[in-house]
Amino acid sequence: SFGWITINYLLETLVKYSFAEKWEHPQDTEVLGALDLGGASTQITFQPGVTTEDNSTSIFFRLYGRNYSLYTHSYLCYGQTQALKMLLAALHKVPHPLISHPCYPAGYWENVTMSDLYNSPCVHAPSTPSPAQVLTVIGTGDPAACSTAIQKLFNFTCGANRTCGFNGVYQPPVRGQFFAFAGFYYTFHFLNLTSQQSFSNVNSTIQTFCNKSWLVETFPQEDKFLHTYCSVAIYILTLLLDGYKFNEHTWSNIHFSRQAANTDIGWTLGFMLNFTNMIPTEALEHVKGHQPSVWAGAVSFIVLAIVAGLVAAFLQCFWKTK
């Protein structure tokens, strides 16, 4: 939800700054949804067209004199790093030391230890783990098999008379325009898919890339992550289409972007704006001030001083509880 605040504040869909030094409510402007993909989790936040049926997935903001009832949910373990770990573990046929990986390019191989593979609470370790055992992962470059394997990471079934995202979590139908940032942006940026291409073009580009053999000479600067781009790209397609229920018609509503109004998108700015009451609950009739991009720059100094401690405390709590 703080990522949602960041995007809509920067793009002035909540309130617009005029050259007459006034903050005004923009006319006929819809607020934008937010899609975030991190390493450990993924989030979706938007203003639905229906009443949210599950209170655990709703949040209310009153900003500049207007009410916003949002749908929001965070899926732990479905960020790209943890999803790739779950995928690799699912492909491991205990006790065999060889793992055939359809999402990795043909010709690629690497060694991983059992302890590296099963060191996350998102991955279920075998009953008789051998931490020092070395596993060899061999890429086969099979995008169809890759898609099938990734689909198995999710449960797309919903209860009777209930709409959901995945794993049984309630979600109303997606509505409006969305900004997809963080991991969504970086993977699609590498594949040159961030300029509002059609879904068919996006799909064909990913399929073509996933059919390539291991040619690190082509992308020497991407050597560290090159073998993961196919799996992450297909994971993003699966997450957006089957998980969040976008389709070929609503695909054009997703904008893959790193920035809004020349400012990096993230949850930290929205958190600080809300935490410090820099976005008031009531409307401002006439206020002299700076444009949102200037405020964003100022707030970033506060963010650097506070967020590191907050994140460290959160991660420490998360890993301890797991």
Protein backbone atom coordinates (compact mmCIF):
# COMPACT_ATOMS: atom_id res chain seq x y z
CA SER A 1 0.00 0.00 0.00
CA PHE A 2 2.95 2.36 0.57
CA GLY A 3 4.14 1.66 -2.97
CA TRP A 4 0.64 2.68 -4.08
CA ILE A 5 1.01 5.97 -2.18
CA THR A 6 4.43 6.58 -3.75
CA ILE A 7 3.18 6.15 -7.32
CA ASN A 8 0.00 8.17 -6.96
CA TYR A 9 1.71 10.96 -5.03
CA LEU A 10 4.49 11.34 -7.59
CA LEU A 11 2.12 11.23 -10.56
CA GLU A 12 -0.27 13.68 -8.88
CA THR A 13 -3.38 11.51 -9.11
CA LEU A 14 -4.20 12.23 -5.45
CA VAL A 15 -3.75 15.96 -5.70
CA LYS A 16 -2.22 18.20 -8.34
CA TYR A 17 0.20 21.06 -7.82
CA SER A 18 -0.60 24.08 -9.97
CA PHE A 19 1.66 26.98 -10.92
CA ALA A 20 -0.70 29.20 -8.95
CA GLU A 21 0.85 27.59 -5.85
CA LYS A 22 -2.28 25.61 -5.13
CA TRP A 23 -2.94 21.94 -4.53
CA GLU A 24 -6.02 20.89 -6.46
CA HIS A 25 -7.87 17.61 -6.90
CA PRO A 26 -7.28 16.42 -10.47
CA GLN A 27 -10.41 16.07 -12.54
CA ASP A 28 -11.38 12.70 -14.07
CA THR A 29 -8.12 11.08 -13.00
CA GLU A 30 -8.12 7.48 -11.82
CA VAL A 31 -5.64 6.39 -9.19
CA LEU A 32 -3.09 3.81 -10.30
CA GLY A 33 -2.56 0.30 -8.97
CA ALA A 34 0.81 -0.94 -7.74
CA LEU A 35 2.56 -4.24 -8.54
CA ASP A 36 5.75 -4.95 -6.62
CA LEU A 37 8.07 -7.94 -7.04
CA GLY A 38 10.85 -8.27 -4.49
CA GLY A 39 13.18 -11.09 -3.61
CA ALA A 40 11.08 -12.64 -0.84
CA SER A 41 7.53 -11.47 -1.60
CA THR A 42 5.25 -9.89 -4.17
CA GLN A 43 2.47 -7.34 -3.60
CA ILE A 44 -0.60 -6.06 -5.41
CA THR A 45 -2.57 -2.95 -4.41
CA PHE A 46 -5.40 -1.24 -6.29
CA GLN A 47 -8.76 0.47 -5.88
CA PRO A 48 -11.36 -2.19 -6.77
CA GLY A 49 -14.68 -1.50 -8.44
CA VAL A 50 -16.53 -3.58 -5.82
CA THR A 51 -16.63 -3.76 -2.04
CA THR A 52 -13.76 -5.84 -0.69
CA GLU A 53 -15.23 -9.02 0.79
CA ASP A 54 -12.26 -9.93 2.98
CA ASN A 55 -11.27 -7.31 5.56
CA SER A 56 -7.80 -8.81 5.90
CA THR A 57 -7.07 -7.70 2.32
CA SER A 58 -8.44 -4.16 2.59
CA ILE A 59 -6.88 -0.93 3.75
CA PHE A 60 -8.37 2.54 4.10
CA PHE A 61 -6.64 5.88 3.51
CA ARG A 62 -8.06 9.38 3.78
CA LEU A 63 -5.78 11.64 1.77
CA TYR A 64 -6.35 15.29 0.89
CA GLY A 65 -9.97 15.07 1.95
CA ARG A 66 -10.81 12.00 -0.12
CA ASN A 67 -11.41 8.40 0.95
CA TYR A 68 -9.59 5.50 -0.68
CA SER A 69 -10.62 1.92 0.09
CA LEU A 70 -7.98 -0.32 -1.41
CA TYR A 71 -7.43 -4.00 -1.96
CA THR A 72 -3.91 -5.03 -0.97
CA HIS A 73 -2.10 -8.27 -0.31
CA SER A 74 1.48 -9.47 0.05
CA TYR A 75 2.40 -13.04 -0.89
CA LEU A 76 5.34 -14.15 1.22
CA CYS A 77 7.79 -16.57 -0.47
CA TYR A 78 6.59 -15.54 -3.95
CA GLY A 79 9.27 -12.95 -4.61
CA GLN A 80 11.57 -13.95 -7.45
CA THR A 81 14.51 -15.18 -5.33
CA GLN A 82 12.39 -17.46 -3.15
CA ALA A 83 10.25 -18.58 -6.09
CA LEU A 84 13.38 -19.72 -7.95
CA LYS A 85 14.46 -21.63 -4.85
CA MET A 86 11.07 -23.33 -4.61
CA LEU A 87 11.28 -24.19 -8.31
CA LEU A 88 14.75 -25.72 -8.00
CA ALA A 89 13.71 -27.73 -4.95
CA ALA A 90 10.61 -28.99 -6.79
CA LEU A 91 12.83 -30.16 -9.67
CA HIS A 92 15.16 -32.01 -7.31
CA LYS A 93 14.32 -35.71 -7.26
CA VAL A 94 15.75 -36.90 -3.97
CA PRO A 95 18.27 -38.57 -3.65
CA HIS A 96 19.53 -38.06 -7.22
CA PRO A 97 22.40 -35.53 -7.45
CA LEU A 98 21.46 -34.32 -10.97
CA ILE A 99 18.73 -31.71 -11.50
CA SER A 100 17.37 -31.18 -15.00
CA HIS A 101 16.22 -27.55 -15.19
CA PRO A 102 13.95 -26.65 -18.16
CA CYS A 103 14.11 -22.91 -17.41
CA TYR A 104 17.90 -22.72 -17.63
CA PRO A 105 19.43 -22.50 -21.12
CA ALA A 106 20.80 -25.61 -22.78
CA GLY A 107 24.53 -25.83 -22.19
CA TYR A 108 24.41 -24.16 -18.78
CA TRP A 109 25.32 -26.04 -15.62
CA GLU A 110 26.21 -25.22 -12.03
CA ASN A 111 26.86 -26.97 -8.73
CA VAL A 112 24.87 -26.18 -5.59
CA THR A 113 24.98 -27.80 -2.18
CA MET A 114 21.96 -29.18 -0.38
CA SER A 115 22.49 -26.61 2.37
CA ASP A 116 22.35 -23.73 -0.15
CA LEU A 117 19.19 -25.07 -1.74
CA TYR A 118 17.28 -25.77 1.47
CA ASN A 119 18.43 -22.83 3.60
CA SER A 120 15.15 -20.93 3.27
CA PRO A 121 11.89 -21.28 5.26
CA CYS A 122 10.10 -21.07 1.90
CA VAL A 123 11.61 -24.39 0.80
CA HIS A 124 10.73 -27.67 2.46
CA ALA A 125 13.84 -29.76 3.08
CA PRO A 126 13.77 -33.53 2.50
CA SER A 127 13.32 -35.75 5.53
CA THR A 128 16.93 -36.94 5.38
CA PRO A 129 18.94 -33.92 4.20
CA SER A 130 22.67 -34.17 3.51
CA PRO A 131 23.86 -30.56 3.77
CA ALA A 132 27.27 -31.18 2.22
CA GLN A 133 25.97 -33.12 -0.78
CA VAL A 134 26.72 -31.38 -4.08
CA LEU A 135 23.94 -31.20 -6.66
CA THR A 136 24.58 -30.52 -10.35
CA VAL A 137 21.98 -28.41 -12.13
CA ILE A 138 21.86 -28.83 -15.92
CA GLY A 139 19.84 -26.52 -18.17
CA THR A 140 17.67 -28.04 -20.89
CA GLY A 141 16.15 -24.87 -22.40
CA ASP A 142 12.54 -26.05 -22.65
CA PRO A 143 10.16 -23.09 -22.12
CA ALA A 144 7.00 -25.24 -22.27
CA ALA A 145 8.30 -27.54 -19.53
CA CYS A 146 9.52 -24.47 -17.63
CA SER A 147 6.03 -22.97 -17.67
CA THR A 148 4.51 -26.24 -16.48
CA ALA A 149 6.99 -26.50 -13.59
CA ILE A 150 6.36 -22.88 -12.53
CA GLN A 151 2.58 -23.37 -12.64
CA LYS A 152 2.95 -26.10 -10.02
CA LEU A 153 4.32 -23.56 -7.51
CA PHE A 154 0.84 -22.02 -7.28
CA ASN A 155 -2.63 -23.17 -6.32
CA PHE A 156 -5.02 -21.39 -8.66
CA THR A 157 -8.24 -23.00 -7.42
CA CYS A 158 -10.81 -20.83 -5.66
CA GLY A 159 -13.68 -21.71 -3.36
CA ALA A 160 -17.28 -21.73 -4.56
CA ASN A 161 -18.68 -18.28 -5.43
CA ARG A 162 -15.34 -16.67 -4.56
CA THR A 163 -12.80 -14.82 -6.66
CA CYS A 164 -9.18 -15.16 -5.69
CA GLY A 165 -5.65 -14.46 -6.77
CA PHE A 166 -3.86 -17.68 -5.90
CA ASN A 167 -3.37 -20.01 -2.94
CA GLY A 168 -6.98 -19.33 -1.96
CA VAL A 169 -6.40 -15.63 -1.17
CA TYR A 170 -9.42 -13.45 -1.99
CA GLN A 171 -8.93 -10.87 -4.74
CA PRO A 172 -11.53 -8.83 -6.62
CA PRO A 173 -11.07 -8.39 -10.39
CA VAL A 174 -8.16 -6.10 -11.29
CA ARG A 175 -9.24 -2.61 -12.30
CA GLY A 176 -7.55 0.40 -13.86
CA GLN A 177 -3.96 1.15 -14.80
CA PHE A 178 -1.03 -0.39 -12.90
CA PHE A 179 2.63 0.44 -12.42
CA ALA A 180 4.80 -2.71 -12.15
CA PHE A 181 8.16 -1.95 -10.59
CA ALA A 182 11.17 -3.56 -8.87
CA GLY A 183 11.67 -7.13 -10.17
CA PHE A 184 8.86 -6.74 -12.70
CA TYR A 185 10.74 -3.87 -14.33
CA TYR A 186 14.33 -5.12 -14.21
CA THR A 187 13.65 -8.46 -15.92
CA PHE A 188 11.47 -6.93 -18.63
CA HIS A 189 13.98 -4.11 -19.11
CA PHE A 190 16.68 -6.67 -19.88
CA LEU A 191 14.36 -8.25 -22.47
CA ASN A 192 13.47 -4.80 -23.89
CA LEU A 193 9.80 -5.24 -22.99
CA THR A 194 9.06 -2.09 -21.00
CA SER A 195 7.63 0.09 -23.78
CA GLN A 196 4.02 -1.06 -23.76
CA GLN A 197 4.39 -3.94 -26.21
CA SER A 198 1.38 -6.11 -26.92
CA PHE A 199 0.94 -9.32 -24.98
CA SER A 200 1.59 -11.42 -28.08
CA ASN A 201 4.89 -9.63 -28.65
CA VAL A 202 5.88 -10.03 -25.00
CA ASN A 203 5.07 -13.73 -25.07
CA SER A 204 6.92 -14.39 -28.34
CA THR A 205 9.99 -12.45 -27.15
CA ILE A 206 10.19 -14.49 -23.96
CA GLN A 207 9.73 -17.76 -25.86
CA THR A 208 12.50 -16.82 -28.30
CA PHE A 209 14.88 -15.90 -25.50
CA CYS A 210 14.11 -19.08 -23.55
CA ASN A 211 14.97 -21.19 -26.59
CA LYS A 212 18.48 -19.75 -26.85
CA SER A 213 21.48 -21.85 -25.89
CA TRP A 214 23.93 -20.72 -23.24
CA LEU A 215 25.79 -17.89 -25.00
CA VAL A 216 27.33 -15.84 -22.23
CA GLU A 217 29.51 -14.09 -24.83
CA THR A 218 26.38 -12.32 -26.08
CA PHE A 219 25.66 -10.72 -22.70
CA PRO A 220 29.00 -10.65 -20.82
CA GLN A 221 27.81 -7.92 -18.47
CA GLU A 222 24.90 -10.10 -17.34
CA ASP A 223 26.92 -13.23 -16.61
CA LYS A 224 25.78 -13.51 -12.98
CA PHE A 225 22.03 -13.48 -13.64
CA LEU A 226 21.81 -14.43 -17.32
CA HIS A 227 20.73 -18.01 -16.68
CA THR A 228 17.77 -16.84 -14.52
CA TYR A 229 16.10 -14.39 -16.93
CA CYS A 230 14.04 -17.04 -18.71
CA SER A 231 12.67 -18.54 -15.49
CA VAL A 232 11.92 -15.11 -13.99
CA ALA A 233 10.23 -13.90 -17.19
CA ILE A 234 7.97 -16.96 -17.36
CA TYR A 235 7.36 -16.64 -13.62
CA ILE A 236 6.24 -13.02 -14.11
CA LEU A 237 3.86 -14.04 -16.91
CA THR A 238 2.40 -16.80 -14.73
CA LEU A 239 2.07 -14.49 -11.73
CA LEU A 240 0.38 -11.68 -13.67
CA LEU A 241 -1.90 -13.81 -15.84
CA ASP A 242 -2.83 -16.81 -13.71
CA GLY A 243 -2.08 -15.33 -10.29
CA TYR A 244 -3.33 -11.75 -10.43
CA LYS A 245 -5.79 -12.52 -13.24
CA PHE A 246 -4.73 -10.06 -15.93
CA ASN A 247 -5.46 -11.21 -19.48
CA GLU A 248 -4.61 -10.33 -23.08
CA HIS A 249 -7.08 -7.43 -22.99
CA THR A 250 -5.98 -5.91 -19.67
CA TRP A 251 -2.26 -6.52 -20.28
CA SER A 252 -1.93 -3.06 -21.85
CA ASN A 253 -2.95 -1.57 -18.48
CA ILE A 254 0.36 -2.68 -16.95
CA HIS A 255 3.21 -0.15 -17.18
CA PHE A 256 6.62 -1.63 -16.38
CA SER A 257 8.62 1.22 -14.92
CA ARG A 258 11.50 1.95 -12.55
CA GLN A 259 10.52 5.58 -11.98
CA ALA A 260 7.52 7.88 -11.69
CA ALA A 261 8.05 11.60 -12.25
CA ASN A 262 11.82 10.98 -12.47
CA THR A 263 11.89 9.40 -9.00
CA ASP A 264 12.56 5.75 -8.22
CA ILE A 265 9.45 3.84 -7.20
CA GLY A 266 9.44 1.96 -3.91
CA TRP A 267 7.47 1.55 -0.71
CA THR A 268 9.82 3.65 1.43
CA LEU A 269 8.75 7.06 0.11
CA GLY A 270 5.06 6.22 0.57
CA PHE A 271 5.75 4.96 4.08
CA MET A 272 7.53 8.16 5.08
CA LEU A 273 4.91 10.40 3.47
CA ASN A 274 2.22 8.64 5.47
CA PHE A 275 4.27 8.24 8.66
CA THR A 276 5.28 11.90 8.82
CA ASN A 277 1.82 13.19 7.81
CA MET A 278 3.27 14.92 4.75
CA ILE A 279 0.06 13.83 3.01
CA PRO A 280 -2.71 15.33 5.18
CA THR A 281 -6.07 13.68 5.65
CA GLU A 282 -8.00 16.82 4.81
CA ALA A 283 -7.91 18.93 1.67
CA LEU A 284 -5.62 21.94 1.50
CA GLU A 285 -7.36 25.02 0.19
CA HIS A 286 -4.28 27.09 -0.63
CA VAL A 287 -0.79 26.01 0.31
CA LYS A 288 2.55 27.28 -0.89
CA GLY A 289 5.06 24.52 -1.34
CA HIS A 290 7.16 22.43 -3.63
CA GLN A 291 6.19 20.04 -6.35
CA PRO A 292 6.07 16.30 -5.46
CA SER A 293 9.43 15.59 -7.08
CA VAL A 294 11.08 18.15 -4.80
CA TRP A 295 9.38 16.69 -1.73
CA ALA A 296 10.53 13.26 -2.83
CA GLY A 297 14.13 14.37 -2.88
CA ALA A 298 13.84 15.88 0.58
CA VAL A 299 12.12 12.86 2.05
CA SER A 300 14.78 10.53 0.65
CA PHE A 301 17.23 11.87 3.25
CA ILE A 302 14.82 10.89 6.01
CA VAL A 303 14.27 7.53 4.37
CA LEU A 304 17.99 6.75 4.32
CA ALA A 305 18.25 7.50 8.02
CA ILE A 306 15.24 5.45 9.16
CA VAL A 307 14.47 2.68 6.68
CA ALA A 308 17.68 0.71 7.20
CA GLY A 309 16.80 0.19 10.85
CA LEU A 310 13.19 -0.68 10.07
CA VAL A 311 14.13 -3.22 7.42
CA ALA A 312 16.77 -4.81 9.63
CA ALA A 313 14.28 -5.17 12.47
CA PHE A 314 11.64 -6.64 10.16
CA LEU A 315 14.00 -9.17 8.62
CA GLN A 316 15.31 -10.22 12.01
CA CYS A 317 11.76 -10.77 13.25
CA PHE A 318 10.74 -12.62 10.06
CA TRP A 319 13.62 -15.08 10.08
CA LYS A 320 13.29 -15.73 13.79
CA THR A 321 9.60 -16.53 13.50
CA LYS A 322 10.31 -18.88 10.61
